[in-house]
Amino acid sequence: MGVDFGDGIYQHPTQIYEIIFLLALAILIQIRSRYQRQEGDLFKFSIIAYLGFRFLIDFLKPYFHVILGLSAIQIASALGLGYYVALNIKHLLTLKKIPQP
């Protein structure tokens, strides 16, 4: 399976994969928005999901890999993921437990 974008190299149609991912993410955000959450939780969820997607999808692209076999967008995605995952862990550790009725 591949698409020639004019450079003679057959590549994965990552644009289609991204459209499918974003539609699925929109559905997941709609479902998640029905549940109890704090302000900013849906944003963090969407950022973590998208950065994870970008990190993984770039393995299918024929780009120059700068450091450790990763492209520049993968490095940026990994840094962003690290930040948001650490932020969520910190948030979860500082939550006050609400007594159940």
C-alpha atoms as a PDB file:
ATOM      1  CA  MET A   1       0.000   0.000   0.000  1.00  0.00           C
ATOM      2  CA  GLY A   2       1.406   3.378  -0.859  1.00  0.00           C
ATOM      3  CA  VAL A   3       0.912   6.745  -2.464  1.00  0.00           C
ATOM      4  CA  ASP A   4       3.387   8.488  -4.739  1.00  0.00           C
ATOM      5  CA  PHE A   5       3.430  12.192  -3.844  1.00  0.00           C
ATOM      6  CA  GLY A   6       5.505  13.054  -6.908  1.00  0.00           C
ATOM      7  CA  ASP A   7       8.929  12.075  -5.608  1.00  0.00           C
ATOM      8  CA  GLY A   8       8.819   8.498  -6.923  1.00  0.00           C
ATOM      9  CA  ILE A   9       8.700   6.992  -3.426  1.00  0.00           C
ATOM     10  CA  TYR A  10       5.621   5.088  -2.350  1.00  0.00           C
ATOM     11  CA  GLN A  11       4.640   6.223   1.124  1.00  0.00           C
ATOM     12  CA  HIS A  12       1.930   5.517   3.670  1.00  0.00           C
ATOM     13  CA  PRO A  13      -1.033   7.898   3.279  1.00  0.00           C
ATOM     14  CA  THR A  14      -0.403   9.416   6.716  1.00  0.00           C
ATOM     15  CA  GLN A  15      -2.768  12.302   5.965  1.00  0.00           C
ATOM     16  CA  ILE A  16      -5.638   9.802   5.826  1.00  0.00           C
ATOM     17  CA  TYR A  17      -4.426   8.139   9.037  1.00  0.00           C
ATOM     18  CA  GLU A  18      -4.405  11.538  10.733  1.00  0.00           C
ATOM     19  CA  ILE A  19      -7.949  12.364   9.592  1.00  0.00           C
ATOM     20  CA  ILE A  20      -9.180   9.023  10.935  1.00  0.00           C
ATOM     21  CA  PHE A  21      -7.302   9.569  14.210  1.00  0.00           C
ATOM     22  CA  LEU A  22      -8.704  13.083  14.658  1.00  0.00           C
ATOM     23  CA  LEU A  23     -12.261  11.886  14.018  1.00  0.00           C
ATOM     24  CA  ALA A  24     -11.794   9.124  16.598  1.00  0.00           C
ATOM     25  CA  LEU A  25     -10.267  11.635  19.033  1.00  0.00           C
ATOM     26  CA  ALA A  26     -13.254  13.975  18.584  1.00  0.00           C
ATOM     27  CA  ILE A  27     -15.602  11.107  19.413  1.00  0.00           C
ATOM     28  CA  LEU A  28     -13.546  10.163  22.475  1.00  0.00           C
ATOM     29  CA  ILE A  29     -13.537  13.776  23.683  1.00  0.00           C
ATOM     30  CA  GLN A  30     -17.325  13.944  23.280  1.00  0.00           C
ATOM     31  CA  ILE A  31     -17.708  10.740  25.320  1.00  0.00           C
ATOM     32  CA  ARG A  32     -15.201  11.888  27.948  1.00  0.00           C
ATOM     33  CA  SER A  33     -16.908  15.274  28.289  1.00  0.00           C
ATOM     34  CA  ARG A  34     -19.996  13.564  29.736  1.00  0.00           C
ATOM     35  CA  TYR A  35     -18.084  12.492  32.845  1.00  0.00           C
ATOM     36  CA  GLN A  36     -16.876  14.478  35.817  1.00  0.00           C
ATOM     37  CA  ARG A  37     -13.654  16.320  35.120  1.00  0.00           C
ATOM     38  CA  GLN A  38     -11.707  19.377  36.083  1.00  0.00           C
ATOM     39  CA  GLU A  39     -11.120  22.352  33.836  1.00  0.00           C
ATOM     40  CA  GLY A  40      -8.339  21.602  31.371  1.00  0.00           C
ATOM     41  CA  ASP A  41      -8.599  17.798  31.571  1.00  0.00           C
ATOM     42  CA  LEU A  42      -9.999  17.433  28.050  1.00  0.00           C
ATOM     43  CA  PHE A  43      -7.271  19.683  26.676  1.00  0.00           C
ATOM     44  CA  LYS A  44      -4.556  17.628  28.375  1.00  0.00           C
ATOM     45  CA  PHE A  45      -6.171  14.411  27.131  1.00  0.00           C
ATOM     46  CA  SER A  46      -6.248  15.678  23.546  1.00  0.00           C
ATOM     47  CA  ILE A  47      -2.661  16.955  23.668  1.00  0.00           C
ATOM     48  CA  ILE A  48      -1.322  13.676  25.071  1.00  0.00           C
ATOM     49  CA  ALA A  49      -3.263  11.654  22.484  1.00  0.00           C
ATOM     50  CA  TYR A  50      -2.155  13.834  19.567  1.00  0.00           C
ATOM     51  CA  LEU A  51       1.502  13.988  20.588  1.00  0.00           C
ATOM     52  CA  GLY A  52       1.514  10.211  21.019  1.00  0.00           C
ATOM     53  CA  PHE A  53      -0.018   9.832  17.564  1.00  0.00           C
ATOM     54  CA  ARG A  54       2.524  12.201  15.996  1.00  0.00           C
ATOM     55  CA  PHE A  55       5.397  10.383  17.658  1.00  0.00           C
ATOM     56  CA  LEU A  56       4.254   7.003  16.318  1.00  0.00           C
ATOM     57  CA  ILE A  57       3.101   8.064  12.838  1.00  0.00           C
ATOM     58  CA  ASP A  58       6.449   9.627  12.001  1.00  0.00           C
ATOM     59  CA  PHE A  59       8.049   6.175  11.976  1.00  0.00           C
ATOM     60  CA  LEU A  60       6.131   5.624   8.718  1.00  0.00           C
ATOM     61  CA  LYS A  61       7.483   8.754   7.043  1.00  0.00           C
ATOM     62  CA  PRO A  62      10.761   8.805   5.068  1.00  0.00           C
ATOM     63  CA  TYR A  63      12.323  11.760   6.902  1.00  0.00           C
ATOM     64  CA  PHE A  64      15.838  12.518   7.971  1.00  0.00           C
ATOM     65  CA  HIS A  65      16.270  11.213  11.502  1.00  0.00           C
ATOM     66  CA  VAL A  66      18.274  13.658  13.578  1.00  0.00           C
ATOM     67  CA  ILE A  67      18.998  12.021  16.950  1.00  0.00           C
ATOM     68  CA  LEU A  68      18.687   8.370  18.017  1.00  0.00           C
ATOM     69  CA  GLY A  69      16.746   7.550  14.854  1.00  0.00           C
ATOM     70  CA  LEU A  70      14.056  10.122  15.653  1.00  0.00           C
ATOM     71  CA  SER A  71      12.920  13.033  13.506  1.00  0.00           C
ATOM     72  CA  ALA A  72      12.626  16.578  14.829  1.00  0.00           C
ATOM     73  CA  ILE A  73       8.830  16.272  15.239  1.00  0.00           C
ATOM     74  CA  GLN A  74       9.279  13.023  17.176  1.00  0.00           C
ATOM     75  CA  ILE A  75      11.737  14.697  19.526  1.00  0.00           C
ATOM     76  CA  ALA A  76       9.341  17.624  20.039  1.00  0.00           C
ATOM     77  CA  SER A  77       6.444  15.196  20.571  1.00  0.00           C
ATOM     78  CA  ALA A  78       8.438  13.172  23.102  1.00  0.00           C
ATOM     79  CA  LEU A  79       9.339  16.336  25.024  1.00  0.00           C
ATOM     80  CA  GLY A  80       5.716  17.487  25.001  1.00  0.00           C
ATOM     81  CA  LEU A  81       4.512  14.049  26.085  1.00  0.00           C
ATOM     82  CA  GLY A  82       7.039  14.007  28.915  1.00  0.00           C
ATOM     83  CA  TYR A  83       5.833  17.386  30.120  1.00  0.00           C
ATOM     84  CA  TYR A  84       2.117  16.572  30.006  1.00  0.00           C
ATOM     85  CA  VAL A  85       2.514  13.092  31.488  1.00  0.00           C
ATOM     86  CA  ALA A  86       4.577  14.544  34.360  1.00  0.00           C
ATOM     87  CA  LEU A  87       1.961  17.279  34.806  1.00  0.00           C
ATOM     88  CA  ASN A  88      -0.821  14.678  34.999  1.00  0.00           C
ATOM     89  CA  ILE A  89       1.105  12.497  37.449  1.00  0.00           C
ATOM     90  CA  LYS A  90       1.732  15.531  39.668  1.00  0.00           C
ATOM     91  CA  HIS A  91      -1.959  16.450  39.424  1.00  0.00           C
ATOM     92  CA  LEU A  92      -3.086  12.917  40.331  1.00  0.00           C
ATOM     93  CA  LEU A  93      -0.746  12.785  43.320  1.00  0.00           C
ATOM     94  CA  THR A  94      -2.084  16.062  44.732  1.00  0.00           C
ATOM     95  CA  LEU A  95      -5.793  15.313  44.319  1.00  0.00           C
ATOM     96  CA  LYS A  96      -7.785  15.302  47.508  1.00  0.00           C
ATOM     97  CA  LYS A  97      -9.912  12.233  47.852  1.00  0.00           C
ATOM     98  CA  ILE A  98     -13.612  13.030  47.848  1.00  0.00           C
ATOM     99  CA  PRO A  99     -15.596  10.807  50.232  1.00  0.00           C
ATOM    100  CA  GLN A 100     -18.156   8.635  48.499  1.00  0.00           C
ATOM    101  CA  PRO A 101     -21.737   8.934  49.836  1.00  0.00           C
END
